[in-house]
Every structure is written in C-alpha cells, then in structure tokens.
C-alpha cells in the first residue's frame, strides 16, 4: 500500500469492487472456520460468532477506508475459496 502512490489499489477497493467485496464478506462459504466446523476440526468458540466478529472488523475497515486491512481479509477469503 505504501508503494501505491497513484492510489490505484485504493481506488479499486473503494470505487470498482466495494460491492463485490461486501458480498464476499457476507458469504460464510469463503470463511475457513465455517469449513473447519463442518469438518469437525473447530474447537472452542462458535464459528458463527467468529464470522460475525470478522464481518464487524471488515465493515469497520471498509468504513475507515483501511484498504490494507480490507485486502488482507479479501485475500484470506479468496484463499479459502481456492482451497475448498
């Protein structure tokens, strides 16, 4: 993000893909703890509570225009999608 002097990544996140990012964040099927729960690997806290907390974090990052945090969550979800 520090090297994005022309703010191209920032503009992509906020102007072009903000709707798609929100849809991705609302989808439990790209959230790894969901699959861990389904496969009997999850222990401790309910995956639904963790999903809600992750959504709150991501929405706060979106509201605060913290592009690096938003992209970190997006890449994590895309990795889950790729490996599922």
N, C-alpha and C. Protein backbone atom coordinates (compact mmCIF):
# COMPACT_ATOMS: atom_id res chain seq x y z
N UNK A 1 0.83 -1.19 0.00
CA UNK A 1 0.00 0.00 0.00
C UNK A 1 0.87 1.26 0.00
N UNK A 2 2.03 1.17 0.67
CA UNK A 2 2.91 2.35 0.71
C UNK A 2 3.44 2.70 -0.68
N UNK A 3 3.56 1.71 -1.55
CA UNK A 3 4.07 1.94 -2.90
C UNK A 3 2.99 2.38 -3.88
N UNK A 4 1.76 2.37 -3.44
CA UNK A 4 0.63 2.75 -4.30
C UNK A 4 0.46 4.27 -4.28
N UNK A 5 1.46 4.96 -4.82
CA UNK A 5 1.45 6.43 -4.79
C UNK A 5 0.33 7.02 -5.64
N UNK A 6 -0.08 6.30 -6.67
CA UNK A 6 -1.17 6.79 -7.52
C UNK A 6 -2.53 6.33 -7.02
N UNK A 7 -2.55 5.63 -5.89
CA UNK A 7 -3.78 5.19 -5.23
C UNK A 7 -4.64 4.29 -6.11
N UNK A 8 -4.01 3.47 -6.93
CA UNK A 8 -4.75 2.57 -7.81
C UNK A 8 -5.44 1.46 -7.02
N UNK A 9 -4.74 0.86 -6.07
CA UNK A 9 -5.38 -0.19 -5.25
C UNK A 9 -6.51 0.40 -4.43
N UNK A 10 -6.26 1.54 -3.87
CA UNK A 10 -7.28 2.22 -3.07
C UNK A 10 -8.53 2.46 -3.90
N UNK A 11 -8.35 2.97 -5.12
CA UNK A 11 -9.49 3.25 -5.98
C UNK A 11 -10.22 1.97 -6.38
N UNK A 12 -9.47 0.89 -6.63
CA UNK A 12 -10.13 -0.37 -6.97
C UNK A 12 -11.00 -0.87 -5.82
N UNK A 13 -10.48 -0.77 -4.60
CA UNK A 13 -11.23 -1.23 -3.44
C UNK A 13 -12.48 -0.39 -3.24
N UNK A 14 -12.37 0.91 -3.34
CA UNK A 14 -13.49 1.78 -2.97
C UNK A 14 -14.43 2.11 -4.11
N UNK A 15 -13.93 2.16 -5.35
CA UNK A 15 -14.80 2.58 -6.43
C UNK A 15 -15.28 1.43 -7.31
N UNK A 16 -14.41 0.50 -7.60
CA UNK A 16 -14.78 -0.54 -8.55
C UNK A 16 -15.32 -1.81 -7.90
N UNK A 17 -14.74 -2.24 -6.80
CA UNK A 17 -15.08 -3.55 -6.24
C UNK A 17 -15.69 -3.50 -4.84
N UNK A 18 -16.11 -2.38 -4.36
CA UNK A 18 -16.63 -2.32 -3.00
C UNK A 18 -17.88 -3.20 -2.83
N UNK A 19 -18.74 -3.25 -3.82
CA UNK A 19 -19.93 -4.10 -3.74
C UNK A 19 -19.58 -5.57 -3.73
N UNK A 20 -18.67 -5.97 -4.60
CA UNK A 20 -18.24 -7.37 -4.64
C UNK A 20 -17.53 -7.77 -3.35
N UNK A 21 -16.78 -6.86 -2.79
CA UNK A 21 -16.09 -7.14 -1.53
C UNK A 21 -17.11 -7.36 -0.42
N UNK A 22 -18.14 -6.55 -0.37
CA UNK A 22 -19.17 -6.71 0.65
C UNK A 22 -19.89 -8.05 0.51
N UNK A 23 -20.16 -8.47 -0.71
CA UNK A 23 -20.81 -9.76 -0.95
C UNK A 23 -19.89 -10.89 -0.47
N UNK A 24 -18.61 -10.79 -0.78
CA UNK A 24 -17.65 -11.80 -0.35
C UNK A 24 -17.58 -11.89 1.17
N UNK A 25 -17.60 -10.74 1.84
CA UNK A 25 -17.51 -10.72 3.29
C UNK A 25 -18.75 -11.30 3.96
N UNK A 26 -19.88 -11.27 3.29
CA UNK A 26 -21.13 -11.79 3.85
C UNK A 26 -21.34 -13.28 3.59
N UNK A 27 -20.43 -13.90 2.85
CA UNK A 27 -20.59 -15.28 2.43
C UNK A 27 -19.84 -16.23 3.38
N UNK A 28 -20.55 -17.06 4.15
CA UNK A 28 -19.86 -17.95 5.08
C UNK A 28 -19.07 -19.06 4.39
N UNK A 29 -19.38 -19.35 3.12
CA UNK A 29 -18.71 -20.43 2.41
C UNK A 29 -17.26 -20.10 2.03
N UNK A 30 -16.86 -18.87 2.19
CA UNK A 30 -15.46 -18.49 1.94
C UNK A 30 -14.77 -18.11 3.25
N UNK A 31 -15.35 -18.56 4.36
CA UNK A 31 -14.81 -18.30 5.69
C UNK A 31 -14.29 -19.63 6.25
N UNK A 32 -12.97 -19.75 6.40
CA UNK A 32 -12.36 -21.02 6.77
C UNK A 32 -12.92 -21.65 8.05
N UNK A 33 -13.18 -20.90 9.12
CA UNK A 33 -13.75 -21.54 10.31
C UNK A 33 -15.10 -22.23 10.05
N UNK A 34 -15.86 -21.77 9.08
CA UNK A 34 -17.10 -22.47 8.71
C UNK A 34 -16.78 -23.89 8.27
N UNK A 35 -15.79 -24.04 7.39
CA UNK A 35 -15.41 -25.36 6.90
C UNK A 35 -14.77 -26.20 7.99
N UNK A 36 -14.00 -25.56 8.85
CA UNK A 36 -13.42 -26.29 9.98
C UNK A 36 -14.53 -26.88 10.85
N UNK A 37 -15.56 -26.10 11.09
CA UNK A 37 -16.71 -26.58 11.87
C UNK A 37 -17.41 -27.74 11.15
N UNK A 38 -17.65 -27.57 9.86
CA UNK A 38 -18.33 -28.62 9.09
C UNK A 38 -17.53 -29.93 9.08
N UNK A 39 -16.21 -29.82 9.11
CA UNK A 39 -15.34 -30.99 9.06
C UNK A 39 -14.96 -31.50 10.45
N UNK A 40 -15.57 -30.93 11.49
CA UNK A 40 -15.31 -31.38 12.85
C UNK A 40 -13.96 -30.99 13.40
N UNK A 41 -13.33 -30.00 12.79
CA UNK A 41 -12.00 -29.56 13.21
C UNK A 41 -12.04 -28.40 14.19
N UNK A 42 -13.16 -27.70 14.24
CA UNK A 42 -13.26 -26.49 15.06
C UNK A 42 -13.44 -26.85 16.53
N UNK A 43 -12.76 -26.12 17.36
CA UNK A 43 -12.94 -26.27 18.80
C UNK A 43 -13.13 -24.89 19.40
N UNK A 44 -13.73 -24.83 20.54
CA UNK A 44 -13.89 -23.54 21.21
C UNK A 44 -15.09 -22.77 20.71
N UNK A 45 -14.86 -21.50 20.44
CA UNK A 45 -15.92 -20.56 20.12
C UNK A 45 -16.69 -20.96 18.85
N UNK A 46 -17.96 -20.71 18.86
CA UNK A 46 -18.84 -20.99 17.74
C UNK A 46 -18.36 -20.24 16.50
N UNK A 47 -18.33 -20.93 15.35
CA UNK A 47 -17.88 -20.29 14.11
C UNK A 47 -18.77 -19.12 13.74
N UNK A 48 -20.06 -19.19 14.06
CA UNK A 48 -20.99 -18.10 13.73
C UNK A 48 -20.63 -16.81 14.46
N UNK A 49 -20.23 -16.94 15.71
CA UNK A 49 -19.80 -15.76 16.46
C UNK A 49 -18.52 -15.17 15.87
N UNK A 50 -17.61 -16.05 15.48
CA UNK A 50 -16.37 -15.59 14.89
C UNK A 50 -16.62 -14.95 13.53
N UNK A 51 -17.57 -15.51 12.77
CA UNK A 51 -17.92 -14.94 11.47
C UNK A 51 -18.51 -13.54 11.64
N UNK A 52 -19.39 -13.39 12.61
CA UNK A 52 -19.98 -12.07 12.88
C UNK A 52 -18.91 -11.07 13.30
N UNK A 53 -17.97 -11.50 14.12
CA UNK A 53 -16.89 -10.61 14.55
C UNK A 53 -15.99 -10.23 13.38
N UNK A 54 -15.71 -11.19 12.50
CA UNK A 54 -14.89 -10.91 11.32
C UNK A 54 -15.59 -9.93 10.39
N UNK A 55 -16.91 -10.08 10.26
CA UNK A 55 -17.68 -9.13 9.43
C UNK A 55 -17.64 -7.74 10.03
N UNK A 56 -17.76 -7.65 11.37
CA UNK A 56 -17.69 -6.33 12.02
C UNK A 56 -16.32 -5.69 11.78
N UNK A 57 -15.26 -6.48 11.91
CA UNK A 57 -13.91 -5.97 11.66
C UNK A 57 -13.78 -5.46 10.23
N UNK A 58 -14.21 -6.28 9.27
CA UNK A 58 -14.09 -5.91 7.86
C UNK A 58 -14.95 -4.68 7.54
N UNK A 59 -16.15 -4.62 8.08
CA UNK A 59 -17.00 -3.45 7.83
C UNK A 59 -16.42 -2.20 8.46
N UNK A 60 -15.79 -2.33 9.62
CA UNK A 60 -15.13 -1.18 10.23
C UNK A 60 -13.95 -0.73 9.38
N UNK A 61 -13.22 -1.69 8.82
CA UNK A 61 -12.11 -1.35 7.93
C UNK A 61 -12.62 -0.67 6.67
N UNK A 62 -13.74 -1.17 6.15
CA UNK A 62 -14.35 -0.52 4.98
C UNK A 62 -14.78 0.90 5.31
N UNK A 63 -15.44 1.06 6.44
CA UNK A 63 -15.92 2.39 6.85
C UNK A 63 -14.75 3.34 7.09
N UNK A 64 -13.65 2.82 7.63
CA UNK A 64 -12.48 3.64 7.90
C UNK A 64 -11.56 3.77 6.71
N UNK A 65 -11.95 3.18 5.58
CA UNK A 65 -11.16 3.21 4.34
C UNK A 65 -9.74 2.72 4.57
N UNK A 66 -9.63 1.62 5.34
CA UNK A 66 -8.35 0.98 5.61
C UNK A 66 -8.14 -0.10 4.57
N UNK A 67 -7.63 0.30 3.42
CA UNK A 67 -7.52 -0.61 2.28
C UNK A 67 -6.66 -1.83 2.58
N UNK A 68 -5.57 -1.68 3.30
CA UNK A 68 -4.69 -2.82 3.60
C UNK A 68 -5.43 -3.87 4.42
N UNK A 69 -6.20 -3.46 5.41
CA UNK A 69 -6.96 -4.41 6.23
C UNK A 69 -8.04 -5.10 5.41
N UNK A 70 -8.72 -4.34 4.57
CA UNK A 70 -9.77 -4.91 3.73
C UNK A 70 -9.18 -5.94 2.78
N UNK A 71 -8.07 -5.59 2.15
CA UNK A 71 -7.45 -6.52 1.20
C UNK A 71 -6.93 -7.78 1.90
N UNK A 72 -6.44 -7.65 3.12
CA UNK A 72 -5.98 -8.82 3.86
C UNK A 72 -7.13 -9.80 4.08
N UNK A 73 -8.29 -9.28 4.45
CA UNK A 73 -9.47 -10.13 4.65
C UNK A 73 -9.92 -10.74 3.33
N UNK A 74 -9.94 -9.94 2.28
CA UNK A 74 -10.37 -10.42 0.97
C UNK A 74 -9.45 -11.55 0.49
N UNK A 75 -8.15 -11.36 0.61
CA UNK A 75 -7.21 -12.39 0.15
C UNK A 75 -7.34 -13.66 0.97
N UNK A 76 -7.61 -13.51 2.26
CA UNK A 76 -7.83 -14.67 3.11
C UNK A 76 -9.05 -15.45 2.65
N UNK A 77 -10.14 -14.74 2.34
CA UNK A 77 -11.37 -15.40 1.88
C UNK A 77 -11.16 -16.04 0.52
N UNK A 78 -10.42 -15.37 -0.36
CA UNK A 78 -10.16 -15.93 -1.68
C UNK A 78 -9.29 -17.19 -1.58
N UNK A 79 -8.38 -17.19 -0.64
CA UNK A 79 -7.56 -18.38 -0.43
C UNK A 79 -8.43 -19.55 0.02
N UNK A 80 -9.36 -19.27 0.92
CA UNK A 80 -10.29 -20.32 1.35
C UNK A 80 -11.11 -20.83 0.18
N UNK A 81 -11.57 -19.93 -0.65
CA UNK A 81 -12.34 -20.33 -1.83
C UNK A 81 -11.51 -21.21 -2.75
N UNK A 82 -10.28 -20.86 -2.93
CA UNK A 82 -9.39 -21.60 -3.83
C UNK A 82 -9.10 -23.00 -3.31
N UNK A 83 -8.95 -23.14 -2.02
CA UNK A 83 -8.56 -24.43 -1.46
C UNK A 83 -9.74 -25.32 -1.05
N UNK A 84 -10.94 -24.79 -1.10
CA UNK A 84 -12.12 -25.59 -0.69
C UNK A 84 -12.59 -26.49 -1.79
